[in-house]
Amino acid sequence: MYREKLLIAGEVDPIVFLLLIKISSIRSEKVINSLYDYFVAGESRNIACDRHGVSQGFLSLKIKALQDLSHQIKKISRYF
């Protein structure tokens, strides 16, 4: 099943990003900073990982987790 990517690298508003992090289970500062660089600042995954010492595989998992969370929020938002 195709799922629209709601979070586009380099195009996520900083406030939206921080709110997503707040309701996610992600707590590692290194991972949060890497995700910020990727989603908000538009850095490549390689640069974001190297800068903060996060493995690319782990960052990919967390990118997917935030994408999934964003998708779930969109699905339930129609009920409010």
Foldseek 3Di string as FASTA:
>chain_A
DDDDQPQAWQPDDPVNLVVLCVPDPDDDPLLSQLVCCGRHVPDDNVVSCVVSVHDSVVNVVVSVVSSVVVRVCVVCVVVD
